[in-house]
Amino acid sequence: MCTLVCRWRPGAVWPVEILALRDEFAHRSFDLPGAWWPAQPSVVGGRDQRGGGTWCASDVTSGRTAVVLNGGDERKAEPGAASRGVLPLRALQAGQDWPSLVELAPMASFNLVLAEPDRLTWWSFHGDKLETVELGAGLHLFTPRGRADSVADERLAHGRARWPGDGRAPAATPTDATESVWADWLPVVAEAEPSEDPLAMLVEVPKDGEIFETVFGQFILAVPGRLRLDYTVRPAKHDPWTTAWWPR
């Protein structure tokens, strides 16, 4: 995962609104979002087929969402180190206490964001120590360099998810299209051009004879007991977006 936009509004109908874009080698296979982990049956996310973990997952019961981003090239993983794909699963399992479940010392650099209905936390690790930052309400943008100082596109800064009804309940229905619910944020992705800049919204970088690119995009609305995902494979190709709800 290489770009994360998170609007956190504690007390709102949907306290967590997320745009998450995953950058990875095009040949690396993954499964579309589902409940892939029997030990955590309420957790939904895409599954990396190589490591079995995830880059982004949500717990339907708690309304938590956890996302891991690379931490740059400061530190490579040591032999036998756990995959960074385990981090969102542990964060959803244990919340703020997740570091007690992972051996961090040999791991590669990472950024981890845990968005909860009443709390937003960012951790960064670059081989020496795990740093923790409690974030305030509002919009936050993360890249492999960590939290960005600003969000350049005003559509992200001022946009929000939209749903019908009077706003007192998460009343969006399965028939509400991605284009209407995410009318503010979707154009930012749809109009982006793939770039070799690793911090771009959509990337496409030739690397060692292969292509490193934005392979998956998803919007997330989460509240305890209800989760909506809108997702697409390779956003630059403008394939249709799929909407899925949990519980089914």
Protein backbone atom coordinates (compact mmCIF):
# COMPACT_ATOMS: atom_id res chain seq x y z
CA MET A 1 0.00 0.00 0.00
CA CYS A 2 1.44 3.34 -0.97
CA THR A 3 -1.26 6.02 -0.74
CA LEU A 4 -3.85 6.44 1.99
CA VAL A 5 -6.37 9.24 2.41
CA CYS A 6 -8.32 9.08 5.67
CA ARG A 7 -11.01 11.44 6.88
CA TRP A 8 -11.70 10.80 10.57
CA ARG A 9 -14.76 12.40 12.13
CA PRO A 10 -15.51 10.97 15.58
CA GLY A 11 -19.21 11.08 16.31
CA ALA A 12 -20.21 11.31 12.64
CA VAL A 13 -22.60 8.90 10.95
CA TRP A 14 -19.61 7.36 9.18
CA PRO A 15 -16.62 8.24 11.40
CA VAL A 16 -14.12 6.57 9.05
CA GLU A 17 -13.90 7.45 5.33
CA ILE A 18 -10.90 6.07 3.45
CA LEU A 19 -9.33 5.99 0.00
CA ALA A 20 -6.57 3.38 -0.16
CA LEU A 21 -4.38 2.68 -3.21
CA ARG A 22 -2.03 -0.27 -3.35
CA ASP A 23 1.22 -0.11 -5.35
CA GLU A 24 2.86 -3.47 -6.06
CA PHE A 25 4.53 -5.48 -8.81
CA ALA A 26 1.92 -6.32 -11.43
CA HIS A 27 2.69 -10.04 -11.34
CA ARG A 28 2.10 -10.44 -7.59
CA SER A 29 -1.27 -12.15 -7.19
CA PHE A 30 -3.87 -11.21 -4.60
CA ASP A 31 -7.44 -12.05 -3.68
CA LEU A 32 -10.23 -9.49 -3.76
CA PRO A 33 -11.70 -8.33 -0.43
CA GLY A 34 -13.30 -11.06 1.62
CA ALA A 35 -13.29 -12.74 5.03
CA TRP A 36 -10.13 -14.74 4.37
CA TRP A 37 -8.88 -15.32 7.94
CA PRO A 38 -10.77 -18.02 9.93
CA ALA A 39 -9.19 -16.89 13.20
CA GLN A 40 -10.65 -13.41 12.61
CA PRO A 41 -14.01 -14.08 10.95
CA SER A 42 -15.24 -10.47 11.13
CA VAL A 43 -12.15 -9.11 9.33
CA VAL A 44 -12.56 -8.26 5.62
CA GLY A 45 -9.80 -7.27 3.24
CA GLY A 46 -7.79 -8.15 0.19
CA ARG A 47 -5.37 -11.05 0.71
CA ASP A 48 -1.84 -11.27 -0.64
CA GLN A 49 -1.50 -14.77 -2.06
CA ARG A 50 2.23 -15.00 -1.39
CA GLY A 51 2.33 -14.03 2.26
CA GLY A 52 -1.29 -14.63 3.26
CA GLY A 53 -1.58 -11.22 4.90
CA THR A 54 -3.13 -7.97 3.73
CA TRP A 55 -2.33 -4.36 2.93
CA CYS A 56 -5.69 -3.06 4.14
CA ALA A 57 -8.47 -4.68 6.16
CA SER A 58 -11.49 -3.72 8.25
CA ASP A 59 -13.15 -5.38 11.20
CA VAL A 60 -16.90 -5.32 10.65
CA THR A 61 -17.73 -5.76 14.34
CA SER A 62 -15.56 -2.96 15.73
CA GLY A 63 -15.56 -0.56 12.77
CA ARG A 64 -11.75 -0.49 12.78
CA THR A 65 -9.68 -0.27 9.60
CA ALA A 66 -5.93 -0.90 9.48
CA VAL A 67 -3.64 -0.06 6.57
CA VAL A 68 0.08 -0.74 6.16
CA LEU A 69 2.30 1.29 3.84
CA ASN A 70 5.92 0.72 2.95
CA GLY A 71 8.34 2.86 4.90
CA GLY A 72 10.73 3.70 2.10
CA ASP A 73 14.07 1.99 1.64
CA GLU A 74 15.58 2.84 5.01
CA ARG A 75 15.54 -0.75 6.19
CA LYS A 76 15.19 -4.10 4.43
CA ALA A 77 13.74 -7.14 6.13
CA GLU A 78 16.14 -9.58 7.73
CA PRO A 79 15.94 -13.30 6.93
CA GLY A 80 12.98 -14.88 8.70
CA ALA A 81 11.25 -11.56 9.40
CA ALA A 82 7.48 -11.48 9.39
CA SER A 83 5.78 -10.01 6.34
CA ARG A 84 4.39 -6.51 6.78
CA GLY A 85 1.08 -7.98 5.63
CA VAL A 86 0.54 -9.38 9.12
CA LEU A 87 0.45 -5.91 10.69
CA PRO A 88 -3.12 -4.87 9.78
CA LEU A 89 -4.41 -8.22 11.06
CA ARG A 90 -2.65 -7.82 14.40
CA ALA A 91 -3.84 -4.22 14.70
CA LEU A 92 -7.45 -5.29 14.15
CA GLN A 93 -6.99 -8.11 16.62
CA ALA A 94 -5.42 -6.17 19.48
CA GLY A 95 -5.98 -2.50 18.73
CA GLN A 96 -3.38 -0.28 20.36
CA ASP A 97 -1.65 -3.30 21.91
CA TRP A 98 -0.75 -4.93 18.57
CA PRO A 99 3.07 -4.40 18.98
CA SER A 100 3.08 -7.06 21.70
CA LEU A 101 2.03 -9.64 19.08
CA VAL A 102 4.78 -8.95 16.51
CA GLU A 103 8.56 -9.25 16.55
CA LEU A 104 9.43 -5.90 15.04
CA ALA A 105 13.23 -5.89 15.16
CA PRO A 106 13.90 -7.85 11.93
CA MET A 107 11.08 -6.30 9.90
CA ALA A 108 11.36 -3.91 6.96
CA SER A 109 10.37 -0.26 7.38
CA PHE A 110 6.67 0.49 7.46
CA ASN A 111 3.91 2.94 8.30
CA LEU A 112 0.77 1.56 9.93
CA VAL A 113 -2.49 3.48 10.36
CA LEU A 114 -5.34 2.28 12.57
CA ALA A 115 -8.59 4.19 12.10
CA GLU A 116 -11.15 3.52 14.82
CA PRO A 117 -14.51 5.19 15.43
CA ASP A 118 -13.05 7.13 18.34
CA ARG A 119 -9.31 7.16 17.64
CA LEU A 120 -6.79 7.55 14.80
CA THR A 121 -3.22 6.34 15.32
CA TRP A 122 -0.15 6.23 13.09
CA TRP A 123 2.93 4.13 13.77
CA SER A 124 6.23 4.29 11.86
CA PHE A 125 9.17 1.93 12.06
CA HIS A 126 12.56 2.33 10.42
CA GLY A 127 14.64 -0.22 12.27
CA ASP A 128 15.52 1.61 15.47
CA LYS A 129 12.26 2.17 17.32
CA LEU A 130 8.53 2.21 16.81
CA GLU A 131 7.17 5.75 16.85
CA THR A 132 3.52 6.42 17.70
CA VAL A 133 1.48 9.50 16.81
CA GLU A 134 -2.10 10.16 17.89
CA LEU A 135 -3.84 12.16 15.18
CA GLY A 136 -6.71 14.60 15.46
CA ALA A 137 -9.97 14.70 13.58
CA GLY A 138 -9.83 15.79 9.95
CA LEU A 139 -8.25 14.65 6.71
CA HIS A 140 -4.87 12.93 6.63
CA LEU A 141 -2.75 11.79 3.67
CA PHE A 142 -0.10 9.09 4.03
CA THR A 143 2.61 7.89 1.63
CA PRO A 144 5.70 5.71 2.18
CA ARG A 145 7.33 8.84 3.61
CA GLY A 146 4.71 8.98 6.34
CA ARG A 147 2.04 11.58 6.91
CA ALA A 148 2.06 14.41 4.36
CA ASP A 149 2.00 18.01 5.56
CA SER A 150 -0.89 18.91 3.28
CA VAL A 151 -3.38 17.53 0.77
CA ALA A 152 -2.86 19.31 -2.51
CA ASP A 153 -6.19 18.48 -4.16
CA GLU A 154 -9.07 20.50 -2.76
CA ARG A 155 -11.52 17.77 -3.77
CA LEU A 156 -9.90 15.54 -1.17
CA ALA A 157 -9.61 18.27 1.41
CA HIS A 158 -13.25 19.35 1.32
CA GLY A 159 -15.00 16.33 -0.15
CA ARG A 160 -16.92 13.71 1.77
CA ALA A 161 -18.85 10.53 1.20
CA ARG A 162 -22.49 11.18 0.34
CA TRP A 163 -25.54 9.07 1.11
CA PRO A 164 -29.30 9.56 0.92
CA GLY A 165 -31.55 10.13 3.89
CA ASP A 166 -31.44 12.59 6.73
CA GLY A 167 -27.88 11.86 7.82
CA ARG A 168 -28.78 10.40 11.22
CA ALA A 169 -28.05 6.81 10.24
CA PRO A 170 -25.71 5.04 7.79
CA ALA A 171 -28.56 4.68 5.31
CA ALA A 172 -26.66 4.12 2.07
CA THR A 173 -28.01 1.10 0.27
CA PRO A 174 -26.38 -1.45 -2.05
CA THR A 175 -27.90 0.39 -5.02
CA ASP A 176 -26.02 3.64 -4.36
CA ALA A 177 -23.32 3.75 -7.04
CA THR A 178 -19.69 4.52 -6.35
CA GLU A 179 -20.04 7.59 -8.56
CA SER A 180 -22.71 9.08 -6.30
CA VAL A 181 -21.41 8.10 -2.85
CA TRP A 182 -17.82 9.10 -3.71
CA ALA A 183 -18.65 11.95 -6.09
CA ASP A 184 -15.98 14.21 -4.54
CA TRP A 185 -13.07 11.78 -4.25
CA LEU A 186 -13.57 9.47 -7.24
CA PRO A 187 -12.57 12.08 -9.87
CA VAL A 188 -9.21 12.53 -8.13
CA VAL A 189 -8.43 8.90 -8.93
CA ALA A 190 -10.19 8.78 -12.30
CA GLU A 191 -8.35 11.84 -13.64
CA ALA A 192 -4.90 10.86 -12.35
CA GLU A 193 -2.28 9.85 -14.91
CA PRO A 194 0.13 7.02 -14.05
CA SER A 195 3.54 8.40 -13.18
CA GLU A 196 7.03 7.16 -12.41
CA ASP A 197 6.97 9.36 -9.31
CA PRO A 198 6.62 6.85 -6.45
CA LEU A 199 4.54 9.40 -4.51
CA ALA A 200 2.02 9.99 -7.29
CA MET A 201 -1.65 9.10 -6.87
CA LEU A 202 -1.23 6.37 -9.53
CA VAL A 203 2.21 4.96 -10.28
CA GLU A 204 3.68 2.94 -13.12
CA VAL A 205 7.40 2.33 -12.79
CA PRO A 206 9.56 -0.06 -14.85
CA LYS A 207 11.75 -1.86 -12.35
CA ASP A 208 14.20 -4.70 -13.01
CA GLY A 209 12.33 -5.73 -16.14
CA GLU A 210 8.96 -5.70 -14.40
CA ILE A 211 6.24 -3.13 -13.77
CA PHE A 212 5.58 -1.66 -10.33
CA GLU A 213 2.18 0.00 -10.46
CA THR A 214 -1.04 0.86 -8.68
CA VAL A 215 -2.74 -2.53 -8.72
CA PHE A 216 -5.79 -1.90 -6.54
CA GLY A 217 -7.94 0.92 -5.26
CA GLN A 218 -10.70 0.98 -2.68
CA PHE A 219 -13.00 3.34 -0.84
CA ILE A 220 -14.05 2.38 2.69
CA LEU A 221 -16.97 3.44 4.88
CA ALA A 222 -16.89 1.83 8.31
CA VAL A 223 -19.01 1.99 11.42
CA PRO A 224 -19.34 -0.72 14.10
CA GLY A 225 -21.48 -3.46 12.59
CA ARG A 226 -21.50 -2.11 9.01
CA LEU A 227 -18.87 -1.93 6.27
CA ARG A 228 -19.07 -0.72 2.67
CA LEU A 229 -16.23 -1.28 0.22
CA ASP A 230 -16.00 0.13 -3.31
CA TYR A 231 -13.02 -1.32 -5.16
CA THR A 232 -11.39 -1.72 -8.55
CA VAL A 233 -8.34 -3.52 -9.94
CA ARG A 234 -5.73 -1.30 -11.63
CA PRO A 235 -7.50 2.05 -11.32
CA ALA A 236 -5.55 3.55 -14.24
CA LYS A 237 -7.42 1.24 -16.62
CA HIS A 238 -10.78 2.73 -15.54
CA ASP A 239 -12.39 -0.65 -14.92
CA PRO A 240 -15.82 -0.55 -13.23
CA TRP A 241 -15.99 -0.22 -9.46
CA THR A 242 -17.56 -3.01 -7.41
CA THR A 243 -19.59 -2.25 -4.29
CA ALA A 244 -19.81 -4.80 -1.47
CA TRP A 245 -21.39 -4.66 1.99
CA TRP A 246 -20.71 -6.59 5.18
CA PRO A 247 -22.56 -8.23 6.79
CA ARG A 248 -23.73 -9.61 3.49
